């Protein structure tokens, strides 16, 4: 059984989610595992892939592929699948990866399972695990034919180094006419500091209980003191208080940090499904009946406008001691 993993990169670093899926695939012992990297200026990235379990790393390095557009990547992966007969193609969750996976499924007429939380070798193939019904149940999913395509939920795995250097094979992508019809004329980057919410070990999240967008400074100060990232609920994002990239929940991102501090968040099921796999959940809310207290490891009932600044002060004092 042969597996190909799409390895997404930002600048000179492969993304944590991609490496996590690669190392998980390598641990299955189900056959050869390869990775594919597509872009421009990719020196050094293949070594990162090899260290996380890729027996072979296919690299398409071309200035024409520098823009993070999905269709050229669909061309590249389809070309490898057809040339080498890969039976499975796996992706770590991201906006680009989701677009590529969907395009590849259409191109190859292949089955795509998404929001996977695990995968294992089964009789005659692979069996995926997927949450359903707002994460209230876990189901096993499969594929009726090959190639199998799978898109994993962010934070499903942690990357694990395997300590082996994979062979590197360069290849040229034969771009389809429609794949070069779109041109990226500008790429906007949000001004942010610290880790992303997908990679952060500590997340401080704010909800409508903050009262107004200016009060997000309280959340940002605590996150900075803890060395973590800032997240938000859908209600906050919809109100324009914080960017969509920080949204956690059913229609946002799924995270699994070591510590998740929820400030002024009621804990609706739509938010719960995006953060319930956090190792430790701390909730601060003035409503003692807020649903979030039902699944929080530690609940603090009180005014977050008084509690959060004091907590930030204590964290800074402890770190400075």
Protein backbone atom coordinates (compact mmCIF):
# COMPACT_ATOMS: atom_id res chain seq x y z
CA UNK A 1 0.00 0.00 0.00
CA UNK A 2 1.53 3.31 -1.10
CA UNK A 3 0.73 6.64 0.56
CA UNK A 4 1.46 10.17 -0.65
CA UNK A 5 1.23 13.14 1.74
CA UNK A 6 0.80 16.73 0.52
CA UNK A 7 3.33 18.85 2.42
CA UNK A 8 2.32 22.47 2.68
CA UNK A 9 4.95 25.06 3.43
CA UNK A 10 5.13 28.70 4.40
CA UNK A 11 8.39 30.29 3.34
CA UNK A 12 11.20 27.94 4.46
CA UNK A 13 9.24 25.72 6.83
CA UNK A 14 6.90 22.79 6.34
CA UNK A 15 3.66 23.20 8.24
CA UNK A 16 3.18 21.34 11.50
CA UNK A 17 -0.11 19.81 10.37
CA UNK A 18 1.45 18.36 7.21
CA UNK A 19 4.38 16.87 9.11
CA UNK A 20 1.99 15.41 11.69
CA UNK A 21 0.02 13.61 8.98
CA UNK A 22 3.26 12.42 7.36
CA UNK A 23 4.62 10.94 10.59
CA UNK A 24 1.25 9.30 11.31
CA UNK A 25 1.23 7.72 7.86
CA UNK A 26 4.79 6.46 8.39
CA UNK A 27 3.75 4.85 11.69
CA UNK A 28 1.04 2.73 10.04
CA UNK A 29 3.55 0.28 8.61
CA UNK A 30 1.20 -0.14 5.66
CA UNK A 31 3.81 0.37 2.92
CA UNK A 32 5.92 3.07 1.36
CA UNK A 33 5.15 6.65 2.39
CA UNK A 34 6.16 9.60 0.23
CA UNK A 35 5.74 13.34 0.48
CA UNK A 36 5.24 15.96 -2.20
CA UNK A 37 6.34 19.60 -1.98
CA UNK A 38 5.27 22.10 -4.62
CA UNK A 39 6.43 25.70 -4.88
CA UNK A 40 9.47 27.85 -5.50
CA UNK A 41 12.71 28.17 -3.53
CA UNK A 42 12.28 24.89 -1.65
CA UNK A 43 15.88 24.27 -0.54
CA UNK A 44 16.04 22.39 2.73
CA UNK A 45 12.37 21.41 2.92
CA UNK A 46 12.91 17.86 1.65
CA UNK A 47 15.20 17.11 4.59
CA UNK A 48 12.41 18.09 7.00
CA UNK A 49 10.07 15.67 5.26
CA UNK A 50 12.60 12.85 5.30
CA UNK A 51 13.13 13.30 9.02
CA UNK A 52 9.40 12.77 9.61
CA UNK A 53 9.08 9.48 7.77
CA UNK A 54 9.00 10.14 4.03
CA UNK A 55 10.90 7.38 2.22
CA UNK A 56 10.79 9.53 -0.92
CA UNK A 57 10.21 13.26 -1.22
CA UNK A 58 8.98 14.50 -4.59
CA UNK A 59 9.88 18.15 -5.17
CA UNK A 60 8.48 20.44 -7.86
CA UNK A 61 10.52 23.65 -7.59
CA UNK A 62 9.56 26.20 -10.22
CA UNK A 63 8.94 29.98 -10.10
CA UNK A 64 5.64 29.32 -11.90
CA UNK A 65 4.49 27.46 -8.77
CA UNK A 66 5.40 30.14 -6.24
CA UNK A 67 1.84 31.42 -5.71
CA UNK A 68 -0.19 29.25 -3.28
CA UNK A 69 -2.88 28.42 -5.82
CA UNK A 70 -4.66 25.04 -5.65
CA UNK A 71 -4.98 23.94 -9.29
CA UNK A 72 -1.23 23.72 -10.09
CA UNK A 73 -0.89 21.55 -6.98
CA UNK A 74 -3.76 19.38 -8.17
CA UNK A 75 -1.83 18.92 -11.43
CA UNK A 76 1.32 17.94 -9.55
CA UNK A 77 -0.33 15.39 -7.26
CA UNK A 78 -2.47 13.88 -10.03
CA UNK A 79 0.68 13.47 -12.11
CA UNK A 80 2.41 11.57 -9.29
CA UNK A 81 -0.62 9.38 -8.59
CA UNK A 82 -0.87 8.39 -12.24
CA UNK A 83 2.89 7.84 -12.62
CA UNK A 84 3.53 5.91 -9.40
CA UNK A 85 0.16 4.40 -8.62
CA UNK A 86 -0.30 5.88 -5.15
CA UNK A 87 -3.33 4.30 -3.52
CA UNK A 88 -3.79 6.95 -0.83
CA UNK A 89 -3.24 10.72 -0.69
CA UNK A 90 -3.44 12.46 2.69
CA UNK A 91 -3.65 16.14 3.67
CA UNK A 92 -3.36 18.18 6.86
CA UNK A 93 -6.17 20.68 7.37
CA UNK A 94 -5.72 24.15 5.89
CA UNK A 95 -7.60 26.34 3.45
CA UNK A 96 -5.15 25.52 0.65
CA UNK A 97 -5.10 21.79 1.43
CA UNK A 98 -8.90 21.63 1.44
CA UNK A 99 -9.02 23.28 -2.00
CA UNK A 100 -6.35 20.93 -3.36
CA UNK A 101 -8.04 17.83 -1.90
CA UNK A 102 -11.42 18.80 -3.38
CA UNK A 103 -9.89 19.55 -6.78
CA UNK A 104 -7.95 16.28 -6.77
CA UNK A 105 -11.09 14.30 -5.86
CA UNK A 106 -12.87 15.80 -8.85
CA UNK A 107 -9.89 15.26 -11.17
CA UNK A 108 -9.37 11.60 -10.21
CA UNK A 109 -13.03 10.82 -9.47
CA UNK A 110 -11.81 9.68 -6.08
CA UNK A 111 -13.51 9.44 -2.69
CA UNK A 112 -12.60 12.10 -0.12
CA UNK A 113 -13.12 11.77 3.64
CA UNK A 114 -12.57 15.00 5.55
CA UNK A 115 -12.29 16.12 9.18
CA UNK A 116 -10.56 12.82 9.99
CA UNK A 117 -9.21 12.48 13.50
CA UNK A 118 -7.33 9.19 13.08
CA UNK A 119 -6.47 6.47 10.59
CA UNK A 120 -5.40 2.85 10.92
CA UNK A 121 -4.62 -0.17 8.77
CA UNK A 122 -7.63 -2.43 8.35
CA UNK A 123 -8.52 -5.57 6.43
CA UNK A 124 -7.65 -4.86 2.85
CA UNK A 125 -7.05 -1.13 3.28
CA UNK A 126 -7.26 1.84 5.59
CA UNK A 127 -9.97 2.82 8.07
CA UNK A 128 -10.45 6.43 9.11
CA UNK A 129 -12.01 7.86 12.24
CA UNK A 130 -14.32 10.84 12.04
CA UNK A 131 -16.45 12.75 14.53
CA UNK A 132 -20.11 13.18 13.67
CA UNK A 133 -23.28 14.80 15.00
CA UNK A 134 -21.43 17.83 16.38
CA UNK A 135 -18.71 15.59 17.83
CA UNK A 136 -21.19 13.66 19.96
CA UNK A 137 -20.25 10.34 18.31
CA UNK A 138 -17.18 8.85 16.62
CA UNK A 139 -17.59 6.77 13.47
CA UNK A 140 -15.32 4.71 11.27
CA UNK A 141 -15.19 5.65 7.60
CA UNK A 142 -13.66 3.99 4.57
CA UNK A 143 -13.23 4.24 0.83
CA UNK A 144 -14.86 2.16 -1.88
CA UNK A 145 -12.01 2.54 -4.36
CA UNK A 146 -8.53 3.92 -4.83
CA UNK A 147 -7.02 6.41 -4.73
CA UNK A 148 -8.29 7.19 -1.26
CA UNK A 149 -8.17 10.86 -0.27
CA UNK A 150 -8.17 11.96 3.37
CA UNK A 151 -8.14 15.41 4.98
CA UNK A 152 -7.28 15.48 8.69
CA UNK A 153 -8.62 17.84 11.30
CA UNK A 154 -6.07 20.34 12.61
CA UNK A 155 -4.41 19.11 15.80
CA UNK A 156 -5.35 15.47 15.22
CA UNK A 157 -1.71 14.40 15.56
CA UNK A 158 1.64 15.75 16.67
CA UNK A 159 4.62 15.50 14.29
CA UNK A 160 7.13 12.82 15.28
CA UNK A 161 10.64 12.60 13.87
CA UNK A 162 11.68 9.20 12.56
CA UNK A 163 15.35 10.04 12.16
CA UNK A 164 15.71 8.83 8.58
CA UNK A 165 16.63 10.85 5.51
CA UNK A 166 14.34 10.24 2.55
CA UNK A 167 15.43 10.10 -1.08
CA UNK A 168 14.68 13.28 -3.03
CA UNK A 169 13.27 13.20 -6.55
CA UNK A 170 12.68 16.39 -8.53
CA UNK A 171 9.96 16.50 -11.14
CA UNK A 172 8.42 19.01 -13.54
CA UNK A 173 4.71 19.66 -13.31
CA UNK A 174 2.75 19.50 -16.55
CA UNK A 175 0.32 22.34 -15.95
CA UNK A 176 -3.17 22.14 -17.45
CA UNK A 177 -4.42 25.15 -19.40
CA UNK A 178 -7.13 25.95 -16.86
CA UNK A 179 -4.62 25.69 -14.01
CA UNK A 180 -2.73 28.76 -15.19
CA UNK A 181 -5.85 30.81 -15.94
CA UNK A 182 -5.86 32.28 -12.43
CA UNK A 183 -3.16 34.67 -11.31
CA UNK A 184 -2.52 35.86 -7.76
CA UNK A 185 -2.02 39.60 -7.92
CA UNK A 186 -1.78 40.26 -4.19
CA UNK A 187 -1.53 38.24 -1.00
CA UNK A 188 -2.57 39.91 2.22
CA UNK A 189 -1.07 38.79 5.51
CA UNK A 190 -2.69 39.47 8.84
CA UNK A 191 -0.49 41.38 11.22
CA UNK A 192 0.11 38.95 14.03
CA UNK A 193 2.80 37.91 16.44
CA UNK A 194 3.40 34.70 18.32
CA UNK A 195 2.31 31.20 17.26
CA UNK A 196 -0.76 30.44 15.17
CA UNK A 197 -3.72 28.87 16.97
CA UNK A 198 -3.10 25.56 15.16
CA UNK A 199 0.46 25.33 16.48
CA UNK A 200 0.16 27.01 19.88
CA UNK A 201 0.51 25.02 23.10
CA UNK A 202 -1.42 27.76 24.93
CA UNK A 203 -4.51 29.53 23.61
CA UNK A 204 -6.44 32.37 25.25
CA UNK A 205 -9.84 32.82 23.63
CA UNK A 206 -12.33 35.65 23.92
CA UNK A 207 -16.10 35.70 23.48
CA UNK A 208 -18.95 38.19 23.53
CA UNK A 209 -18.60 38.37 27.31
CA UNK A 210 -15.71 40.78 26.74
CA UNK A 211 -18.36 43.40 25.99
CA UNK A 212 -16.59 45.33 23.24
CA UNK A 213 -13.77 44.77 20.74
CA UNK A 214 -11.35 47.03 22.61
CA UNK A 215 -11.46 44.62 25.55
CA UNK A 216 -9.70 42.00 23.42
CA UNK A 217 -6.53 43.72 24.65
CA UNK A 218 -7.09 41.84 27.93
CA UNK A 219 -7.02 38.52 26.08
CA UNK A 220 -3.99 39.55 24.01
CA UNK A 221 -2.04 40.61 27.11
CA UNK A 222 -2.69 37.30 28.85
CA UNK A 223 -1.79 35.32 25.74
CA UNK A 224 1.45 37.25 25.40
CA UNK A 225 2.32 36.66 29.06
CA UNK A 226 1.69 32.92 28.63
CA UNK A 227 3.54 32.75 25.32
CA UNK A 228 0.36 31.65 23.57
CA UNK A 229 -2.01 32.60 20.77
CA UNK A 230 -5.31 34.46 20.72
CA UNK A 231 -8.53 32.84 19.53
CA UNK A 232 -12.14 33.97 19.21
CA UNK A 233 -15.68 32.64 18.95
CA UNK A 234 -17.85 32.85 15.84
CA UNK A 235 -20.05 35.54 17.44
CA UNK A 236 -17.00 37.73 17.96
CA UNK A 237 -15.76 37.18 14.41
CA UNK A 238 -19.20 37.81 12.91
CA UNK A 239 -19.39 41.06 14.88
CA UNK A 240 -16.10 42.17 13.32
CA UNK A 241 -14.20 42.22 16.61
CA UNK A 242 -11.51 39.78 15.50
CA UNK A 243 -10.35 38.20 12.20
CA UNK A 244 -11.74 34.90 10.93
CA UNK A 245 -8.28 33.31 11.05
CA UNK A 246 -8.60 33.24 14.85
CA UNK A 247 -12.02 31.58 14.96
CA UNK A 248 -12.32 28.30 16.83
CA UNK A 249 -15.38 26.14 16.41
CA UNK A 250 -17.52 24.13 14.04
CA UNK A 251 -17.20 26.71 11.25
CA UNK A 252 -13.68 27.77 12.26
CA UNK A 253 -10.60 25.82 13.28
CA UNK A 254 -10.17 22.84 15.57
CA UNK A 255 -7.36 23.12 18.11
CA UNK A 256 -5.86 20.91 20.78
CA UNK A 257 -3.44 22.97 22.90
CA UNK A 258 -2.05 21.96 26.26
CA UNK A 259 -3.93 24.88 27.86
CA UNK A 260 -7.09 26.62 26.62
CA UNK A 261 -8.28 29.67 28.57
CA UNK A 262 -11.82 30.73 27.64
CA UNK A 263 -12.71 34.30 28.62
CA UNK A 264 -16.34 35.35 28.42
CA UNK A 265 -17.31 32.31 26.31
CA UNK A 266 -20.62 30.61 27.06
CA UNK A 267 -19.56 27.26 25.60
CA UNK A 268 -22.13 26.61 22.87
CA UNK A 269 -21.77 23.25 21.11
CA UNK A 270 -20.51 24.97 17.95
CA UNK A 271 -17.52 26.32 19.87
CA UNK A 272 -17.04 23.19 21.97
CA UNK A 273 -16.40 20.96 18.95
CA UNK A 274 -13.40 23.08 17.98
CA UNK A 275 -11.58 23.05 21.32
CA UNK A 276 -12.81 20.14 23.44
CA UNK A 277 -9.68 18.08 22.73
CA UNK A 278 -7.56 20.65 24.60
CA UNK A 279 -5.59 19.00 27.41
CA UNK A 280 -6.68 21.50 30.10
CA UNK A 281 -9.60 23.92 29.75
CA UNK A 282 -9.93 26.93 32.04
CA UNK A 283 -13.15 28.96 31.82
CA UNK A 284 -13.71 32.47 33.18
CA UNK A 285 -17.34 33.61 33.08
CA UNK A 286 -19.63 35.61 35.35
CA UNK A 287 -22.58 33.29 34.60
CA UNK A 288 -22.35 30.24 36.90
CA UNK A 289 -24.75 28.38 34.60
CA UNK A 290 -22.68 28.86 31.44
CA UNK A 291 -22.47 25.54 29.51
CA UNK A 292 -18.68 25.79 29.29
CA UNK A 293 -18.37 24.93 33.00
CA UNK A 294 -19.77 21.48 32.22
CA UNK A 295 -16.63 20.46 30.34
CA UNK A 296 -13.99 22.84 31.74
CA UNK A 297 -11.28 21.38 33.97
CA UNK A 298 -11.21 24.58 36.04
CA UNK A 299 -14.00 27.14 36.21
CA UNK A 300 -13.75 30.66 37.60
CA UNK A 301 -17.06 32.45 38.21
CA UNK A 302 -16.51 36.19 38.20
CA UNK A 303 -15.92 39.36 36.22
CA UNK A 304 -13.27 38.63 33.60
CA UNK A 305 -12.45 42.36 33.39
CA UNK A 306 -11.04 42.12 36.92
CA UNK A 307 -9.79 38.51 36.83
CA UNK A 308 -7.89 38.47 33.52
CA UNK A 309 -5.67 41.53 34.22
CA UNK A 310 -4.84 40.13 37.66
CA UNK A 311 -4.02 36.73 36.15
CA UNK A 312 -1.78 38.42 33.56
CA UNK A 313 0.00 40.30 36.35
CA UNK A 314 0.57 37.09 38.32
CA UNK A 315 1.91 35.24 35.26
CA UNK A 316 4.36 38.05 34.51
CA UNK A 317 5.47 38.17 38.15
CA UNK A 318 6.01 34.40 38.20
CA UNK A 319 8.04 34.49 34.99
CA UNK A 320 10.10 37.40 36.27
CA UNK A 321 10.89 35.69 39.57
